[in-house]
Amino acid sequence: MSRTRQLVTVAACLATFAWLLAPELRASPAVLWPSVLAVGLVFVTRDLYLALGLGAFSGALLLAGGNPWTAFQALWRDHLLPALSDRWNLSVLVFTLMMGGFVEVLHRNGGMAALSQRFLGRSQSPRRAGLGAFFLGWLVFFDGLASSMLVGKTLRPMADRAGLSREKLAFIVDSTSSPIAGLALLSTWVAYEMSVIRQGLENTGDPALAVAVSPFSWLVLSLPFRFYNWFMLWLVFLVAWGLRDWGPMLEAERRARTRQREELHTPRVEGAGPGAARAWVPLAVLVAGVFGGLYVDGGGLAEPLSFAGLVRALGKADAASVFVLATAMATLVALGLSLGRRGAAGRRPDDRGTQAFLHGMQQMFLPALILVCAWMLNSVLKELGTARYLVTLLGDRLPAAWLPALVFLLAAVVSFSTGTSWGTMAVLIPLTVPLAVELTGFGAGAPVSPVLAATVGAVLAGAVFGDHCSPLSDTTIVSALSSECDVLAHVRTQLPYALAAAAAATLLGYLPAGYGVAPGWLLAAGALACWLLVRYGGKRVPAVSRRPTGSSDRAVPV
């Protein structure tokens, strides 16, 4: 780190003491400082560990009244250790480490390379690799975190062969994780979303309203108003299909194509036929194990066979333990298939399955510490009441027609500042639903107004924005790690696309929706705007292909 960056870092950290002069610390902008400091230092120092750690320490310093020793003790005792003892967080860590070992086994046994060759064929097209990641993200629709890890780890070798940059792969992986899980009516998100909506209805003070209105019906009615999710997914498809990019992503794609041209003489992988089964069979076991495990663990066998029963079962399941068990089961299958693999002359390969698994876990250990740092910072922000301060700041300034747009922006700021979508929902929905009910005059027996449905959709979509692109979000971090991309590079290259989708959602979605425009017209307008942006704002990076065997090896632009 240069001397200038060191001085900026020290000055920013010392500025924490200035916020202690605020008369009411938790009712002042001081509660935003740890988040602002962490995000700013990420881009200044290019060191995610340092930025998250200093952001968390600055928050602990504010809570301790400026006493460094008390803040240091509290940071470990009250924020780090509880984060590590949380059952969900522990399961995420175990899941992340085991997935690293699982995919390393698939690489060592040749299954992933064979699957990559079969999937890409002779074309080695970045379009095919990008669209493959996009559609695989739709298949793993039931959880954002599982999708982030599975899709990135599975398609990273394919992306490298096809000349697709790691940054582009991480972008596609991240953009098809939380945005899709947030739209799915059968996912680990649904029960939680219904519970916070129910809480919001109860906060209206009208018992009849809480009984008469089904939270699930509100989820369904809000689907057309999840403008950010829809526009982001459409934008990803257009970018993957058209191979047009802008900003830092364009430079990343150009570097990837250059690297591909330099590696044109890489020999073809042998065993593309039966060897592919060593990858797709364990992957199928993993997907089926997660989905089936969620259904069984949530009591699905005792539920009536119906869509509503599926929703209840997936919502009640202990997703954390299911992810770990499914990964363990898939790993055993992968190890079993690896035992049957023979090398030349019938000898077993040098890299045995267990060694590969442990090596893969070791590779994921240091990157997994980023998650721990993010959880520690989130714990500090929660105690400071950062999210509630942002809500209170704008809560009394929301005109009815502007309600959906302002709520979306508020949810986006909260989720980006804290890195959590579920935390954003937990804070905003119980507060904004009563506000929307009061402003629209909604009552039991009355049809849900478009403004009301758009407000619920705005909170859910805004929560996805931060979960999708904040450097503090677990899915952002996991998407980068699974794609073997630098986390900061992933955030920097993805942010222009996320901001474009958020701008379209605000200007072409929530603002007109507040004035009663039908969502179908707004979705069409946003889709057209995204197409125009990609078509005329992006620049195409030509793909590179190989000539058939026996012809010249010169690179051929596609």
Protein backbone atom coordinates (compact mmCIF):
# COMPACT_ATOMS: atom_id res chain seq x y z
CA MET A 1 0.00 0.00 0.00
CA SER A 2 1.39 3.42 -0.99
CA ARG A 3 2.21 6.11 1.55
CA THR A 4 -0.71 8.24 0.36
CA ARG A 5 -3.16 5.41 0.95
CA GLN A 6 -1.66 4.77 4.37
CA LEU A 7 -2.16 8.42 5.34
CA VAL A 8 -5.75 8.39 4.06
CA THR A 9 -6.46 5.21 6.05
CA VAL A 10 -5.01 6.65 9.28
CA ALA A 11 -6.89 9.94 8.83
CA ALA A 12 -10.16 8.13 8.18
CA CYS A 13 -9.76 5.99 11.29
CA LEU A 14 -8.93 9.03 13.46
CA ALA A 15 -12.06 10.74 12.14
CA THR A 16 -14.04 8.20 14.17
CA PHE A 17 -13.26 10.17 17.33
CA ALA A 18 -14.90 13.28 15.84
CA TRP A 19 -18.26 11.48 15.77
CA LEU A 20 -18.09 11.02 19.53
CA LEU A 21 -18.88 14.73 19.86
CA ALA A 22 -22.44 14.10 18.63
CA PRO A 23 -24.90 14.79 21.50
CA GLU A 24 -27.01 11.68 20.81
CA LEU A 25 -24.74 9.17 19.16
CA ARG A 26 -27.36 6.62 18.08
CA ALA A 27 -29.68 9.30 16.72
CA SER A 28 -27.01 10.92 14.55
CA PRO A 29 -25.22 10.14 11.26
CA ALA A 30 -22.43 8.65 13.40
CA VAL A 31 -24.14 5.25 13.18
CA LEU A 32 -23.46 5.28 9.42
CA TRP A 33 -19.74 5.90 9.84
CA PRO A 34 -18.48 2.30 10.30
CA SER A 35 -20.23 1.21 7.12
CA VAL A 36 -19.02 4.26 5.16
CA LEU A 37 -15.49 3.75 6.48
CA ALA A 38 -15.41 0.04 5.59
CA VAL A 39 -16.75 0.52 2.05
CA GLY A 40 -14.46 3.51 1.45
CA LEU A 41 -11.36 1.72 2.70
CA VAL A 42 -12.15 -1.28 0.50
CA PHE A 43 -11.55 0.89 -2.55
CA VAL A 44 -8.69 2.93 -1.03
CA THR A 45 -6.58 0.12 0.42
CA ARG A 46 -7.66 -2.74 -1.88
CA ASP A 47 -7.45 -4.87 1.28
CA LEU A 48 -10.83 -6.32 2.22
CA TYR A 49 -9.63 -7.82 5.51
CA LEU A 50 -8.19 -4.50 6.69
CA ALA A 51 -11.20 -2.47 5.56
CA LEU A 52 -13.76 -4.71 7.24
CA GLY A 53 -11.68 -4.99 10.40
CA LEU A 54 -11.17 -1.23 10.74
CA GLY A 55 -14.84 -0.59 9.99
CA ALA A 56 -15.87 -2.98 12.74
CA PHE A 57 -13.33 -1.49 15.18
CA SER A 58 -14.54 2.05 14.49
CA GLY A 59 -18.09 0.95 15.32
CA ALA A 60 -16.92 -0.73 18.51
CA LEU A 61 -15.03 2.46 19.36
CA LEU A 62 -18.23 4.50 19.02
CA LEU A 63 -20.09 2.03 21.23
CA ALA A 64 -17.30 2.16 23.83
CA GLY A 65 -17.33 5.96 24.02
CA GLY A 66 -13.88 6.28 22.47
CA ASN A 67 -12.03 3.88 24.79
CA PRO A 68 -9.75 1.81 22.48
CA TRP A 69 -9.09 -1.00 24.98
CA THR A 70 -12.77 -1.44 25.82
CA ALA A 71 -13.61 -1.35 22.11
CA PHE A 72 -10.96 -3.97 21.34
CA GLN A 73 -12.29 -6.32 24.02
CA ALA A 74 -15.90 -5.82 23.00
CA LEU A 75 -15.10 -6.41 19.35
CA TRP A 76 -13.92 -9.95 20.06
CA ARG A 77 -16.17 -10.79 23.00
CA ASP A 78 -19.47 -9.27 21.87
CA HIS A 79 -19.23 -9.38 18.08
CA LEU A 80 -16.72 -11.93 16.79
CA LEU A 81 -17.38 -14.85 19.16
CA PRO A 82 -21.21 -14.58 18.91
CA ALA A 83 -20.88 -14.49 15.12
CA LEU A 84 -18.76 -17.64 15.17
CA SER A 85 -21.13 -19.39 17.58
CA ASP A 86 -24.19 -18.61 15.48
CA ARG A 87 -25.48 -21.86 14.02
CA TRP A 88 -26.25 -20.41 10.59
CA ASN A 89 -22.85 -18.72 10.30
CA LEU A 90 -21.04 -21.90 11.32
CA SER A 91 -22.99 -23.88 8.76
CA VAL A 92 -22.12 -21.35 6.05
CA LEU A 93 -18.43 -21.65 6.93
CA VAL A 94 -18.54 -25.46 6.90
CA PHE A 95 -20.54 -25.43 3.68
CA THR A 96 -18.03 -23.05 2.04
CA LEU A 97 -15.01 -25.13 3.08
CA MET A 98 -16.64 -28.43 2.09
CA MET A 99 -17.69 -27.05 -1.29
CA GLY A 100 -14.09 -26.06 -1.91
CA GLY A 101 -13.00 -29.64 -1.23
CA PHE A 102 -15.91 -31.11 -3.19
CA VAL A 103 -15.15 -29.17 -6.36
CA GLU A 104 -11.42 -29.86 -6.04
CA VAL A 105 -12.24 -33.59 -6.09
CA LEU A 106 -14.20 -33.07 -9.32
CA HIS A 107 -11.22 -31.25 -10.81
CA ARG A 108 -8.67 -33.89 -9.79
CA ASN A 109 -10.73 -36.85 -11.02
CA GLY A 110 -11.08 -35.26 -14.47
CA GLY A 111 -14.85 -35.04 -14.28
CA MET A 112 -15.05 -31.24 -14.33
CA ALA A 113 -12.72 -30.94 -17.33
CA ALA A 114 -14.66 -33.61 -19.20
CA LEU A 115 -17.97 -31.92 -18.38
CA SER A 116 -16.52 -28.60 -19.50
CA GLN A 117 -15.42 -30.06 -22.85
CA ARG A 118 -18.77 -31.74 -23.40
CA PHE A 119 -20.68 -28.58 -22.49
CA LEU A 120 -18.60 -26.19 -24.60
CA GLY A 121 -17.87 -28.57 -27.46
CA ARG A 122 -15.48 -27.21 -30.06
CA SER A 123 -16.74 -23.64 -29.96
CA GLN A 124 -15.22 -22.56 -26.62
CA SER A 125 -17.51 -19.56 -26.87
CA PRO A 126 -17.74 -17.01 -24.02
CA ARG A 127 -21.39 -16.60 -25.01
CA ARG A 128 -22.04 -20.27 -24.40
CA ALA A 129 -20.20 -20.21 -21.08
CA GLY A 130 -22.02 -17.07 -19.94
CA LEU A 131 -25.44 -18.37 -20.91
CA GLY A 132 -24.61 -21.70 -19.27
CA ALA A 133 -23.93 -19.92 -15.97
CA PHE A 134 -27.11 -17.87 -16.42
CA PHE A 135 -29.41 -20.85 -16.98
CA LEU A 136 -27.71 -22.99 -14.29
CA GLY A 137 -28.47 -20.15 -11.87
CA TRP A 138 -32.16 -20.57 -12.70
CA LEU A 139 -31.94 -24.29 -11.96
CA VAL A 140 -30.49 -23.64 -8.49
CA PHE A 141 -33.35 -21.26 -7.67
CA PHE A 142 -34.10 -22.35 -4.13
CA ASP A 143 -31.30 -20.46 -2.30
CA GLY A 144 -28.98 -17.59 -3.17
CA LEU A 145 -25.98 -18.78 -1.19
CA ALA A 146 -26.13 -22.33 -2.57
CA SER A 147 -26.43 -20.94 -6.10
CA SER A 148 -23.46 -18.60 -5.60
CA MET A 149 -21.18 -21.43 -4.53
CA LEU A 150 -22.41 -24.19 -6.84
CA VAL A 151 -22.62 -22.30 -10.15
CA GLY A 152 -19.29 -20.53 -9.75
CA LYS A 153 -17.37 -23.63 -8.74
CA THR A 154 -18.95 -25.73 -11.48
CA LEU A 155 -18.47 -23.37 -14.44
CA ARG A 156 -15.17 -21.68 -13.56
CA PRO A 157 -13.07 -24.13 -15.64
CA MET A 158 -15.49 -23.75 -18.57
CA ALA A 159 -15.28 -19.97 -18.34
CA ASP A 160 -11.47 -20.08 -18.41
CA ARG A 161 -11.42 -22.28 -21.49
CA ALA A 162 -13.98 -20.11 -23.23
CA GLY A 163 -12.13 -16.85 -22.55
CA LEU A 164 -14.80 -15.52 -20.20
CA SER A 165 -13.21 -13.37 -17.50
CA ARG A 166 -13.46 -14.41 -13.86
CA GLU A 167 -15.06 -11.01 -13.17
CA LYS A 168 -17.77 -11.68 -15.76
CA LEU A 169 -18.42 -15.14 -14.36
CA ALA A 170 -18.69 -13.79 -10.81
CA PHE A 171 -21.11 -11.14 -12.08
CA ILE A 172 -23.37 -13.71 -13.74
CA VAL A 173 -23.17 -16.04 -10.74
CA ASP A 174 -24.00 -13.26 -8.28
CA SER A 175 -26.78 -11.84 -10.46
CA THR A 176 -28.55 -15.19 -10.73
CA SER A 177 -28.38 -16.03 -7.03
CA SER A 178 -30.26 -13.61 -4.77
CA PRO A 179 -32.32 -11.99 -7.57
CA ILE A 180 -33.73 -15.40 -8.56
CA ALA A 181 -34.11 -16.69 -4.99
CA GLY A 182 -35.97 -13.47 -4.19
CA LEU A 183 -38.47 -14.16 -6.98
CA ALA A 184 -38.96 -17.89 -6.38
CA LEU A 185 -42.12 -18.86 -4.52
CA LEU A 186 -40.44 -22.11 -3.53
CA SER A 187 -37.24 -21.14 -1.76
CA THR A 188 -35.61 -20.74 1.62
CA TRP A 189 -36.64 -17.07 1.53
CA VAL A 190 -40.41 -17.47 1.36
CA ALA A 191 -41.26 -18.33 4.97
CA TYR A 192 -39.05 -15.53 6.27
CA GLU A 193 -40.62 -13.00 3.90
CA MET A 194 -44.11 -14.09 4.95
CA SER A 195 -43.21 -13.80 8.63
CA VAL A 196 -42.00 -10.18 8.33
CA ILE A 197 -45.05 -9.25 6.21
CA ARG A 198 -47.28 -10.75 8.90
CA GLN A 199 -45.43 -8.66 11.48
CA GLY A 200 -46.01 -5.55 9.37
CA LEU A 201 -49.75 -6.28 9.18
CA GLU A 202 -49.90 -6.75 12.93
CA ASN A 203 -48.14 -3.41 13.42
CA THR A 204 -51.02 -1.64 11.67
CA GLY A 205 -53.05 -2.03 14.87
CA ASP A 206 -55.96 -3.60 12.95
CA PRO A 207 -56.39 -7.24 14.11
CA ALA A 208 -58.91 -7.94 11.34
CA LEU A 209 -56.39 -6.89 8.72
CA ALA A 210 -53.73 -9.27 10.03
CA VAL A 211 -56.22 -12.16 9.89
CA ALA A 212 -57.97 -11.34 6.61
CA VAL A 213 -54.89 -10.76 4.43
CA SER A 214 -52.63 -13.69 3.55
CA PRO A 215 -48.91 -12.78 3.56
CA PHE A 216 -48.38 -15.27 0.74
CA SER A 217 -50.92 -13.44 -1.42
CA TRP A 218 -48.92 -10.26 -0.87
CA LEU A 219 -45.80 -12.03 -2.06
CA VAL A 220 -47.59 -13.10 -5.22
CA LEU A 221 -49.04 -9.63 -5.83
CA SER A 222 -45.63 -8.05 -5.36
CA LEU A 223 -43.89 -10.26 -7.95
CA PRO A 224 -44.54 -7.92 -10.93
CA PHE A 225 -43.20 -5.05 -8.82
CA ARG A 226 -39.81 -6.64 -8.10
CA PHE A 227 -38.42 -4.41 -10.83
CA TYR A 228 -34.77 -4.59 -9.79
CA ASN A 229 -34.76 -8.39 -9.87
CA TRP A 230 -36.40 -8.56 -13.30
CA PHE A 231 -34.27 -5.82 -14.87
CA MET A 232 -31.05 -7.24 -13.42
CA LEU A 233 -31.76 -10.72 -14.79
CA TRP A 234 -32.71 -9.35 -18.20
CA LEU A 235 -29.55 -7.22 -18.24
CA VAL A 236 -27.41 -10.27 -17.42
CA PHE A 237 -28.97 -12.24 -20.29
CA LEU A 238 -28.39 -9.38 -22.76
CA VAL A 239 -24.78 -8.96 -21.68
CA ALA A 240 -24.08 -12.71 -21.85
CA TRP A 241 -25.75 -13.06 -25.25
CA GLY A 242 -24.44 -9.90 -26.91
CA LEU A 243 -20.92 -10.01 -25.37
CA ARG A 244 -21.21 -6.24 -24.91
CA ASP A 245 -19.81 -4.59 -21.80
CA TRP A 246 -18.76 -1.23 -20.44
CA GLY A 247 -16.66 0.18 -17.64
CA PRO A 248 -14.21 -2.01 -15.71
CA MET A 249 -15.91 -5.17 -17.01
CA LEU A 250 -14.95 -4.28 -20.57
CA GLU A 251 -11.28 -4.16 -19.61
CA ALA A 252 -11.57 -7.46 -17.73
CA GLU A 253 -13.10 -9.12 -20.80
CA ARG A 254 -10.36 -7.79 -23.05
CA ARG A 255 -7.70 -9.18 -20.72
CA ALA A 256 -9.45 -12.56 -20.69
CA ARG A 257 -9.56 -12.72 -24.50
CA THR A 258 -5.86 -11.82 -24.68
CA ARG A 259 -5.04 -14.55 -22.19
CA GLN A 260 -7.11 -17.03 -24.20
CA ARG A 261 -5.19 -16.24 -27.39
CA GLU A 262 -1.93 -16.92 -25.56
CA GLU A 263 -3.22 -20.33 -24.41
CA LEU A 264 -4.55 -21.59 -27.74
CA HIS A 265 -2.08 -24.44 -27.79
CA THR A 266 -3.38 -25.97 -24.55
CA PRO A 267 -3.98 -29.67 -25.29
CA ARG A 268 -7.52 -30.99 -25.36
CA VAL A 269 -8.74 -32.88 -22.32
CA GLU A 270 -9.07 -36.61 -22.77
CA GLY A 271 -11.97 -38.64 -21.57
CA ALA A 272 -14.77 -36.26 -22.45
CA GLY A 273 -17.30 -39.07 -22.60
CA PRO A 274 -17.70 -41.29 -19.54
CA GLY A 275 -15.44 -38.94 -17.51
CA ALA A 276 -18.16 -36.29 -17.44
CA ALA A 277 -20.25 -38.57 -15.21
CA ARG A 278 -17.65 -38.10 -12.47
CA ALA A 279 -18.81 -34.47 -12.31
CA TRP A 280 -22.48 -34.38 -13.23
CA VAL A 281 -23.50 -37.31 -11.01
CA PRO A 282 -22.16 -35.72 -7.78
CA LEU A 283 -23.57 -32.35 -8.87
CA ALA A 284 -26.98 -33.91 -9.44
CA VAL A 285 -26.77 -35.53 -6.01
CA LEU A 286 -25.93 -32.15 -4.49
CA VAL A 287 -28.85 -30.32 -6.12
CA ALA A 288 -31.31 -33.13 -5.41
CA GLY A 289 -29.99 -33.45 -1.86
CA VAL A 290 -30.48 -29.75 -1.12
CA PHE A 291 -33.95 -29.53 -2.62
CA GLY A 292 -35.12 -32.90 -1.27
CA GLY A 293 -33.50 -32.25 2.10
CA LEU A 294 -35.30 -28.92 2.47
CA TYR A 295 -38.61 -30.61 1.66
CA VAL A 296 -38.17 -33.53 4.07
CA ASP A 297 -36.58 -31.52 6.89
CA GLY A 298 -39.42 -29.01 6.71
CA GLY A 299 -42.02 -31.73 7.25
CA GLY A 300 -43.05 -31.97 3.61
CA LEU A 301 -43.89 -35.67 3.94
CA ALA A 302 -46.60 -34.77 6.47
CA GLU A 303 -47.97 -31.93 4.35
CA PRO A 304 -50.64 -32.38 1.68
CA LEU A 305 -49.19 -32.69 -1.80
CA SER A 306 -49.86 -29.16 -2.99
CA PHE A 307 -48.04 -25.98 -3.90
CA ALA A 308 -48.89 -24.43 -0.54
CA GLY A 309 -47.54 -27.54 1.21
CA LEU A 310 -44.27 -27.23 -0.69
CA VAL A 311 -43.96 -23.58 0.33
CA ARG A 312 -44.57 -24.37 4.00
CA ALA A 313 -42.09 -27.26 3.97
CA LEU A 314 -39.27 -25.28 2.35
CA GLY A 315 -39.90 -22.39 4.72
CA LYS A 316 -39.78 -24.53 7.87
CA ALA A 317 -36.62 -26.43 6.91
CA ASP A 318 -33.31 -25.91 8.68
CA ALA A 319 -31.55 -24.78 5.51
CA ALA A 320 -28.15 -24.46 7.19
CA SER A 321 -27.92 -28.11 8.20
CA VAL A 322 -29.43 -29.29 4.91
CA PHE A 323 -26.70 -27.52 2.91
CA VAL A 324 -23.95 -29.17 4.97
CA LEU A 325 -25.51 -32.66 4.82
CA ALA A 326 -26.19 -32.44 1.08
CA THR A 327 -22.62 -31.32 0.42
CA ALA A 328 -21.25 -34.16 2.55
CA MET A 329 -23.40 -36.69 0.68
CA ALA A 330 -22.33 -35.33 -2.73
CA THR A 331 -18.69 -35.39 -1.62
CA LEU A 332 -18.92 -39.07 -0.67
CA VAL A 333 -20.37 -39.84 -4.09
CA ALA A 334 -17.57 -37.87 -5.79
CA LEU A 335 -14.92 -39.68 -3.72
CA GLY A 336 -16.49 -43.04 -4.55
CA LEU A 337 -16.43 -42.30 -8.28
CA SER A 338 -12.82 -41.11 -8.00
CA LEU A 339 -11.77 -44.44 -6.49
CA GLY A 340 -12.79 -46.19 -9.68
CA ARG A 341 -10.69 -43.93 -11.88
CA ARG A 342 -7.53 -45.47 -13.34
CA GLY A 343 -4.64 -43.66 -14.88
CA ALA A 344 -2.29 -44.89 -17.59
CA ALA A 345 -1.61 -48.62 -17.60
CA GLY A 346 -4.35 -49.12 -15.03
CA ARG A 347 -2.50 -47.28 -12.26
CA ARG A 348 -4.35 -45.10 -9.81
CA PRO A 349 -3.67 -41.36 -10.14
CA ASP A 350 -1.25 -39.71 -7.71
CA ASP A 351 -3.86 -37.24 -6.42
CA ARG A 352 -6.22 -39.37 -4.42
CA GLY A 353 -9.69 -38.15 -3.55
CA THR A 354 -9.11 -37.46 0.14
CA GLN A 355 -5.95 -35.48 -0.59
CA ALA A 356 -7.79 -33.44 -3.20
CA PHE A 357 -10.66 -32.77 -0.80
CA LEU A 358 -8.35 -31.52 1.95
CA HIS A 359 -6.42 -29.39 -0.51
CA GLY A 360 -9.65 -27.79 -1.74
CA MET A 361 -10.71 -26.99 1.83
CA GLN A 362 -7.30 -25.47 2.51
CA GLN A 363 -7.66 -23.18 -0.54
CA MET A 364 -10.96 -21.83 0.81
CA PHE A 365 -9.79 -21.20 4.38
CA LEU A 366 -8.31 -17.71 4.05
CA PRO A 367 -11.04 -16.43 1.70
CA ALA A 368 -13.65 -17.72 4.17
CA LEU A 369 -12.20 -15.36 6.77
CA ILE A 370 -13.69 -12.51 4.74
CA LEU A 371 -17.11 -13.81 5.71
CA VAL A 372 -16.11 -13.75 9.38
CA CYS A 373 -14.96 -10.13 9.11
CA ALA A 374 -18.22 -9.16 7.38
CA TRP A 375 -20.30 -10.84 10.11
CA MET A 376 -18.33 -9.01 12.80
CA LEU A 377 -19.00 -5.67 11.12
CA ASN A 378 -22.69 -6.50 10.67
CA SER A 379 -22.95 -7.27 14.39
CA VAL A 380 -21.51 -3.85 15.24
CA LEU A 381 -23.89 -2.10 12.81
CA LYS A 382 -26.84 -3.94 14.31
CA GLU A 383 -25.96 -2.78 17.84
CA LEU A 384 -25.52 0.79 16.60
CA GLY A 385 -28.98 0.70 14.98
CA THR A 386 -27.71 1.81 11.56
CA ALA A 387 -30.68 0.45 9.61
CA ARG A 388 -33.29 1.92 11.96
CA TYR A 389 -31.63 5.33 11.78
CA LEU A 390 -31.93 5.34 7.99
CA VAL A 391 -35.61 4.42 8.23
CA THR A 392 -36.35 7.10 10.82
CA LEU A 393 -34.49 9.67 8.72
CA LEU A 394 -36.95 9.38 5.84
CA GLY A 395 -39.97 7.82 7.52
CA ASP A 396 -41.96 11.06 7.83
CA ARG A 397 -41.10 12.36 4.36
CA LEU A 398 -42.78 9.83 2.09
CA PRO A 399 -45.63 11.14 -0.11
CA ALA A 400 -48.04 8.37 -1.14
CA ALA A 401 -47.20 8.49 -4.86
CA TRP A 402 -43.48 8.52 -4.18
CA LEU A 403 -43.71 5.84 -1.52
CA PRO A 404 -42.58 2.84 -3.68
CA ALA A 405 -39.62 4.69 -5.21
CA LEU A 406 -38.36 6.16 -1.95
CA VAL A 407 -38.84 2.88 -0.10
CA PHE A 408 -36.83 1.08 -2.79
CA LEU A 409 -33.99 3.60 -2.51
CA LEU A 410 -34.08 3.38 1.27
CA ALA A 411 -33.99 -0.42 1.17
CA ALA A 412 -31.11 -0.31 -1.33
CA VAL A 413 -29.10 2.03 0.91
CA VAL A 414 -29.78 -0.04 4.03
CA SER A 415 -28.93 -3.35 2.36
CA PHE A 416 -25.78 -1.95 0.72
CA SER A 417 -24.65 -0.42 4.03
CA THR A 418 -25.23 -3.58 6.04
CA GLY A 419 -24.74 -6.30 3.41
CA THR A 420 -27.82 -8.23 4.49
CA SER A 421 -31.10 -8.67 2.64
CA TRP A 422 -32.91 -10.48 5.44
CA GLY A 423 -31.88 -7.85 7.97
CA THR A 424 -33.18 -5.13 5.64
CA MET A 425 -36.52 -6.91 5.30
CA ALA A 426 -36.74 -7.40 9.06
CA VAL A 427 -36.25 -3.67 9.68
CA LEU A 428 -38.16 -2.10 6.80
CA ILE A 429 -41.25 -4.24 6.17
CA PRO A 430 -42.68 -3.99 9.71
CA LEU A 431 -42.27 -0.19 9.44
CA THR A 432 -43.26 0.50 5.82
CA VAL A 433 -46.32 -1.78 5.60
CA PRO A 434 -48.23 0.16 8.30
CA LEU A 435 -47.14 3.41 6.64
CA ALA A 436 -48.38 2.22 3.24
CA VAL A 437 -51.66 0.97 4.71
CA GLU A 438 -52.25 4.35 6.34
CA LEU A 439 -51.39 6.40 3.24
CA THR A 440 -53.52 4.26 0.89
CA GLY A 441 -56.45 3.77 3.28
CA PHE A 442 -56.32 0.00 2.89
CA GLY A 443 -58.63 -2.06 5.09
CA ALA A 444 -59.87 -5.62 5.55
CA GLY A 445 -61.97 -6.76 2.60
CA ALA A 446 -60.61 -4.09 0.25
CA PRO A 447 -58.50 -5.02 -2.79
CA VAL A 448 -54.77 -4.49 -2.42
CA SER A 449 -53.90 -1.23 -4.19
CA PRO A 450 -51.02 -1.13 -6.71
CA VAL A 451 -49.18 1.34 -4.47
CA LEU A 452 -49.37 -1.09 -1.57
CA ALA A 453 -48.18 -4.06 -3.64
CA ALA A 454 -45.44 -1.92 -5.20
CA THR A 455 -44.25 -0.84 -1.74
CA VAL A 456 -43.87 -4.44 -0.58
CA GLY A 457 -42.11 -5.31 -3.84
CA ALA A 458 -39.85 -2.26 -3.43
CA VAL A 459 -38.62 -3.41 -0.01
CA LEU A 460 -37.98 -6.96 -1.20
CA ALA A 461 -36.20 -5.81 -4.37
CA GLY A 462 -34.18 -3.10 -2.60
CA ALA A 463 -33.05 -5.68 -0.05
CA VAL A 464 -31.77 -7.83 -2.92
CA PHE A 465 -29.76 -4.88 -4.33
CA GLY A 466 -27.40 -4.74 -1.34
CA ASP A 467 -27.28 -8.50 -0.95
CA HIS A 468 -26.33 -8.62 -4.60
CA CYS A 469 -23.59 -6.00 -4.86
CA SER A 470 -22.44 -4.83 -1.42
CA PRO A 471 -18.83 -5.79 -0.56
CA LEU A 472 -20.18 -6.71 2.90
CA SER A 473 -22.68 -9.29 1.58
CA ASP A 474 -22.04 -13.01 1.98
CA THR A 475 -23.38 -13.85 -1.49
CA THR A 476 -21.14 -11.18 -3.06
CA ILE A 477 -18.12 -12.63 -1.29
CA VAL A 478 -19.03 -16.26 -1.99
CA SER A 479 -19.74 -15.52 -5.69
CA ALA A 480 -16.26 -14.02 -6.05
CA LEU A 481 -14.59 -16.85 -4.12
CA SER A 482 -16.37 -19.61 -6.03
CA SER A 483 -15.38 -17.97 -9.33
CA GLU A 484 -11.80 -17.50 -8.04
CA CYS A 485 -12.09 -13.76 -8.62
CA ASP A 486 -10.78 -10.99 -6.40
CA VAL A 487 -13.67 -9.72 -4.27
CA LEU A 488 -12.88 -6.05 -4.88
CA ALA A 489 -12.55 -6.64 -8.62
CA HIS A 490 -15.93 -8.37 -8.58
CA VAL A 491 -17.59 -5.47 -6.75
CA ARG A 492 -15.96 -2.85 -8.99
CA THR A 493 -16.90 -4.57 -12.26
CA GLN A 494 -20.44 -5.51 -11.18
CA LEU A 495 -21.50 -2.21 -9.63
CA PRO A 496 -22.14 -0.30 -12.93
CA TYR A 497 -24.63 -2.99 -14.02
CA ALA A 498 -26.34 -3.08 -10.61
CA LEU A 499 -26.66 0.71 -10.57
CA ALA A 500 -28.08 0.68 -14.09
CA ALA A 501 -30.74 -1.87 -13.09
CA ALA A 502 -31.50 0.10 -9.90
CA ALA A 503 -31.88 3.34 -11.88
CA ALA A 504 -34.25 1.65 -14.33
CA ALA A 505 -36.23 0.17 -11.43
CA THR A 506 -36.56 3.59 -9.81
CA LEU A 507 -37.30 5.79 -12.83
CA LEU A 508 -39.20 3.34 -15.05
CA GLY A 509 -40.66 1.14 -12.33
CA TYR A 510 -41.45 2.50 -8.90
CA LEU A 511 -42.05 6.16 -9.76
CA PRO A 512 -44.70 5.43 -12.43
CA ALA A 513 -46.11 2.58 -10.29
CA GLY A 514 -46.79 5.10 -7.54
CA TYR A 515 -49.05 6.97 -9.95
CA GLY A 516 -50.98 3.84 -10.90
CA VAL A 517 -49.26 2.70 -14.11
CA ALA A 518 -49.75 -1.04 -14.70
CA PRO A 519 -46.61 -3.10 -13.98
CA GLY A 520 -46.76 -4.86 -17.35
CA TRP A 521 -46.07 -1.61 -19.19
CA LEU A 522 -43.30 -0.75 -16.75
CA LEU A 523 -41.60 -4.13 -17.17
CA ALA A 524 -41.70 -3.68 -20.95
CA ALA A 525 -40.28 -0.15 -20.70
CA GLY A 526 -37.49 -1.29 -18.40
CA ALA A 527 -36.64 -4.24 -20.64
CA LEU A 528 -36.41 -1.90 -23.63
CA ALA A 529 -34.18 0.51 -21.70
CA CYS A 530 -31.84 -2.32 -20.71
CA TRP A 531 -31.62 -3.47 -24.33
CA LEU A 532 -30.81 0.04 -25.53
CA LEU A 533 -28.16 0.40 -22.85
CA VAL A 534 -26.41 -2.85 -23.79
CA ARG A 535 -26.80 -2.35 -27.53
CA TYR A 536 -25.59 1.24 -27.75
CA GLY A 537 -23.72 1.73 -24.47
CA GLY A 538 -21.71 -1.49 -24.49
CA LYS A 539 -18.78 -2.47 -26.68
CA ARG A 540 -18.39 -5.95 -28.06
CA VAL A 541 -15.28 -7.96 -27.23
CA PRO A 542 -14.84 -10.55 -30.00
CA ALA A 543 -14.64 -14.16 -28.92
CA VAL A 544 -11.71 -16.36 -29.95
CA SER A 545 -12.07 -19.85 -31.36
CA ARG A 546 -9.69 -22.61 -32.47
CA ARG A 547 -9.56 -24.00 -35.93
CA PRO A 548 -10.40 -27.69 -36.26
CA THR A 549 -7.57 -30.13 -35.63
CA GLY A 550 -5.13 -30.26 -38.52
CA SER A 551 -5.61 -26.66 -39.64
CA SER A 552 -3.74 -23.54 -38.67
CA ASP A 553 -3.65 -22.72 -34.96
CA ARG A 554 -3.97 -19.01 -35.64
CA ALA A 555 -6.61 -17.26 -33.50
CA VAL A 556 -9.85 -16.63 -35.32
CA PRO A 557 -12.08 -13.76 -34.08
CA VAL A 558 -15.72 -14.80 -33.82
